[in-house]
Amino acid sequence: MAMLVTQLAAATAAVAWMGSEWLLRGRPSALGLVSGAVGGLVAVTPASGFITPASALLIGAVAGVGCYLGATRC
């Protein structure tokens, strides 16, 4: 289960970063996709043994958008 939720959170964060970038800048980038995946991995790793797949999706989405805004708005 830990491997599943880690993969889900990373993929969700990558898509969330890419979607945020697409909405706010007009086009997504490959660097943004990879940055979102790394942000999702960082966010989910401490909890990966204790959460459900639905929680991993939520953590990934919040991490992807939050990391994008933190990296580009500061």
N, C-alpha and C. Protein backbone atom coordinates (compact mmCIF):
# COMPACT_ATOMS: atom_id res chain seq x y z
N MET A 1 0.82 -1.18 0.00
CA MET A 1 0.00 0.00 0.00
C MET A 1 0.87 1.26 0.00
N ALA A 2 2.00 1.20 0.69
CA ALA A 2 2.88 2.38 0.73
C ALA A 2 3.39 2.72 -0.67
N MET A 3 3.70 1.71 -1.46
CA MET A 3 4.17 1.97 -2.82
C MET A 3 3.05 2.56 -3.68
N LEU A 4 1.85 2.06 -3.52
CA LEU A 4 0.71 2.56 -4.29
C LEU A 4 0.43 4.02 -3.98
N VAL A 5 0.34 4.36 -2.70
CA VAL A 5 0.00 5.75 -2.35
C VAL A 5 1.13 6.70 -2.73
N THR A 6 2.36 6.23 -2.70
CA THR A 6 3.48 7.08 -3.11
C THR A 6 3.39 7.40 -4.60
N GLN A 7 3.09 6.39 -5.40
CA GLN A 7 2.95 6.61 -6.84
C GLN A 7 1.76 7.50 -7.16
N LEU A 8 0.63 7.27 -6.47
CA LEU A 8 -0.56 8.08 -6.71
C LEU A 8 -0.32 9.55 -6.37
N ALA A 9 0.30 9.80 -5.24
CA ALA A 9 0.54 11.19 -4.84
C ALA A 9 1.50 11.88 -5.80
N ALA A 10 2.53 11.19 -6.23
CA ALA A 10 3.48 11.80 -7.16
C ALA A 10 2.81 12.12 -8.50
N ALA A 11 2.02 11.19 -9.01
CA ALA A 11 1.35 11.42 -10.28
C ALA A 11 0.31 12.53 -10.18
N THR A 12 -0.43 12.56 -9.09
CA THR A 12 -1.45 13.59 -8.90
C THR A 12 -0.80 14.96 -8.76
N ALA A 13 0.29 15.03 -8.03
CA ALA A 13 0.98 16.31 -7.86
C ALA A 13 1.55 16.80 -9.19
N ALA A 14 2.07 15.89 -10.00
CA ALA A 14 2.59 16.29 -11.31
C ALA A 14 1.48 16.86 -12.18
N VAL A 15 0.34 16.21 -12.19
CA VAL A 15 -0.79 16.69 -12.99
C VAL A 15 -1.34 18.00 -12.43
N ALA A 16 -1.37 18.13 -11.10
CA ALA A 16 -1.86 19.36 -10.48
C ALA A 16 -0.94 20.53 -10.80
N TRP A 17 0.37 20.32 -10.73
CA TRP A 17 1.32 21.38 -11.08
C TRP A 17 1.14 21.76 -12.54
N MET A 18 1.07 20.75 -13.40
CA MET A 18 0.92 21.02 -14.82
C MET A 18 -0.39 21.75 -15.12
N GLY A 19 -1.46 21.36 -14.46
CA GLY A 19 -2.74 22.04 -14.66
C GLY A 19 -2.70 23.48 -14.18
N SER A 20 -2.08 23.70 -13.04
CA SER A 20 -1.95 25.06 -12.51
C SER A 20 -1.13 25.93 -13.45
N GLU A 21 -0.05 25.37 -13.94
CA GLU A 21 0.81 26.11 -14.86
C GLU A 21 0.06 26.41 -16.16
N TRP A 22 -0.71 25.47 -16.62
CA TRP A 22 -1.47 25.65 -17.85
C TRP A 22 -2.52 26.75 -17.68
N LEU A 23 -3.20 26.75 -16.54
CA LEU A 23 -4.22 27.78 -16.29
C LEU A 23 -3.62 29.17 -16.12
N LEU A 24 -2.50 29.27 -15.41
CA LEU A 24 -1.95 30.58 -15.07
C LEU A 24 -0.94 31.12 -16.09
N ARG A 25 -0.28 30.25 -16.84
CA ARG A 25 0.73 30.71 -17.79
C ARG A 25 0.39 30.40 -19.24
N GLY A 26 -0.61 29.58 -19.46
CA GLY A 26 -1.03 29.29 -20.82
C GLY A 26 -0.44 28.05 -21.45
N ARG A 27 0.60 27.49 -20.85
CA ARG A 27 1.16 26.25 -21.38
C ARG A 27 1.96 25.54 -20.28
N PRO A 28 1.86 24.23 -20.24
CA PRO A 28 2.63 23.47 -19.25
C PRO A 28 4.06 23.23 -19.73
N SER A 29 4.92 22.84 -18.81
CA SER A 29 6.31 22.54 -19.18
C SER A 29 6.71 21.19 -18.61
N ALA A 30 7.70 20.59 -19.22
CA ALA A 30 8.21 19.31 -18.73
C ALA A 30 8.89 19.48 -17.37
N LEU A 31 9.58 20.59 -17.19
CA LEU A 31 10.21 20.86 -15.89
C LEU A 31 9.15 20.98 -14.80
N GLY A 32 8.04 21.61 -15.11
CA GLY A 32 6.95 21.71 -14.15
C GLY A 32 6.37 20.36 -13.81
N LEU A 33 6.23 19.49 -14.78
CA LEU A 33 5.72 18.15 -14.54
C LEU A 33 6.62 17.38 -13.58
N VAL A 34 7.92 17.45 -13.81
CA VAL A 34 8.87 16.75 -12.94
C VAL A 34 8.93 17.40 -11.56
N SER A 35 8.87 18.71 -11.50
CA SER A 35 8.88 19.41 -10.22
C SER A 35 7.66 19.05 -9.39
N GLY A 36 6.51 18.93 -10.04
CA GLY A 36 5.31 18.52 -9.33
C GLY A 36 5.42 17.12 -8.79
N ALA A 37 6.00 16.21 -9.56
CA ALA A 37 6.18 14.84 -9.09
C ALA A 37 7.08 14.79 -7.86
N VAL A 38 8.16 15.56 -7.88
CA VAL A 38 9.06 15.60 -6.73
C VAL A 38 8.35 16.19 -5.51
N GLY A 39 7.57 17.25 -5.73
CA GLY A 39 6.81 17.83 -4.63
C GLY A 39 5.82 16.84 -4.03
N GLY A 40 5.18 16.06 -4.86
CA GLY A 40 4.26 15.04 -4.37
C GLY A 40 4.97 13.96 -3.58
N LEU A 41 6.14 13.56 -4.04
CA LEU A 41 6.91 12.56 -3.30
C LEU A 41 7.33 13.09 -1.93
N VAL A 42 7.77 14.32 -1.90
CA VAL A 42 8.18 14.92 -0.62
C VAL A 42 7.00 15.01 0.34
N ALA A 43 5.84 15.37 -0.18
CA ALA A 43 4.68 15.55 0.68
C ALA A 43 4.12 14.24 1.23
N VAL A 44 4.16 13.18 0.45
CA VAL A 44 3.50 11.94 0.87
C VAL A 44 4.41 10.98 1.62
N THR A 45 5.70 11.10 1.46
CA THR A 45 6.62 10.10 2.03
C THR A 45 6.45 9.89 3.53
N PRO A 46 6.33 10.92 4.36
CA PRO A 46 6.19 10.65 5.79
C PRO A 46 4.91 9.88 6.16
N ALA A 47 3.87 10.02 5.37
CA ALA A 47 2.60 9.39 5.71
C ALA A 47 2.31 8.15 4.88
N SER A 48 3.21 7.74 4.01
CA SER A 48 2.89 6.71 3.02
C SER A 48 2.48 5.37 3.61
N GLY A 49 2.89 5.05 4.78
CA GLY A 49 2.52 3.77 5.39
C GLY A 49 1.21 3.80 6.13
N PHE A 50 0.58 4.95 6.22
CA PHE A 50 -0.60 5.10 7.07
C PHE A 50 -1.84 5.63 6.38
N ILE A 51 -1.77 5.99 5.11
CA ILE A 51 -2.90 6.65 4.45
C ILE A 51 -3.54 5.75 3.39
N THR A 52 -4.73 6.14 2.97
CA THR A 52 -5.46 5.42 1.93
C THR A 52 -5.16 6.05 0.56
N PRO A 53 -5.50 5.37 -0.51
CA PRO A 53 -5.30 5.96 -1.84
C PRO A 53 -6.04 7.28 -2.04
N ALA A 54 -7.23 7.41 -1.48
CA ALA A 54 -7.97 8.68 -1.60
C ALA A 54 -7.21 9.81 -0.92
N SER A 55 -6.63 9.53 0.22
CA SER A 55 -5.83 10.54 0.91
C SER A 55 -4.59 10.91 0.11
N ALA A 56 -4.00 9.92 -0.56
CA ALA A 56 -2.82 10.19 -1.39
C ALA A 56 -3.18 11.12 -2.53
N LEU A 57 -4.36 10.94 -3.12
CA LEU A 57 -4.79 11.84 -4.19
C LEU A 57 -4.94 13.26 -3.68
N LEU A 58 -5.52 13.41 -2.50
CA LEU A 58 -5.69 14.74 -1.91
C LEU A 58 -4.34 15.38 -1.58
N ILE A 59 -3.47 14.62 -0.97
CA ILE A 59 -2.15 15.14 -0.62
C ILE A 59 -1.39 15.55 -1.88
N GLY A 60 -1.47 14.73 -2.91
CA GLY A 60 -0.79 15.04 -4.16
C GLY A 60 -1.33 16.30 -4.82
N ALA A 61 -2.64 16.45 -4.82
CA ALA A 61 -3.24 17.65 -5.44
C ALA A 61 -2.85 18.92 -4.69
N VAL A 62 -2.92 18.86 -3.38
CA VAL A 62 -2.55 20.03 -2.58
C VAL A 62 -1.06 20.34 -2.73
N ALA A 63 -0.24 19.30 -2.74
CA ALA A 63 1.21 19.51 -2.88
C ALA A 63 1.56 20.08 -4.25
N GLY A 64 0.92 19.59 -5.29
CA GLY A 64 1.22 20.08 -6.63
C GLY A 64 0.89 21.54 -6.80
N VAL A 65 -0.30 21.92 -6.40
CA VAL A 65 -0.71 23.33 -6.51
C VAL A 65 0.10 24.21 -5.56
N GLY A 66 0.27 23.74 -4.33
CA GLY A 66 1.02 24.52 -3.34
C GLY A 66 2.46 24.74 -3.73
N CYS A 67 3.11 23.71 -4.23
CA CYS A 67 4.50 23.84 -4.67
C CYS A 67 4.61 24.75 -5.88
N TYR A 68 3.66 24.66 -6.79
CA TYR A 68 3.70 25.55 -7.96
C TYR A 68 3.57 27.00 -7.52
N LEU A 69 2.61 27.28 -6.68
CA LEU A 69 2.43 28.66 -6.22
C LEU A 69 3.62 29.14 -5.41
N GLY A 70 4.16 28.26 -4.58
CA GLY A 70 5.33 28.63 -3.79
C GLY A 70 6.57 28.89 -4.64
N ALA A 71 6.72 28.14 -5.70
CA ALA A 71 7.91 28.27 -6.54
C ALA A 71 7.82 29.45 -7.50
N THR A 72 6.61 29.84 -7.87
CA THR A 72 6.50 30.88 -8.89
C THR A 72 5.98 32.21 -8.37
N ARG A 73 5.36 32.25 -7.23
CA ARG A 73 4.77 33.49 -6.73
C ARG A 73 5.61 34.19 -5.67
N CYS A 74 6.68 33.58 -5.20
CA CYS A 74 7.48 34.21 -4.15
C CYS A 74 8.61 35.02 -4.71
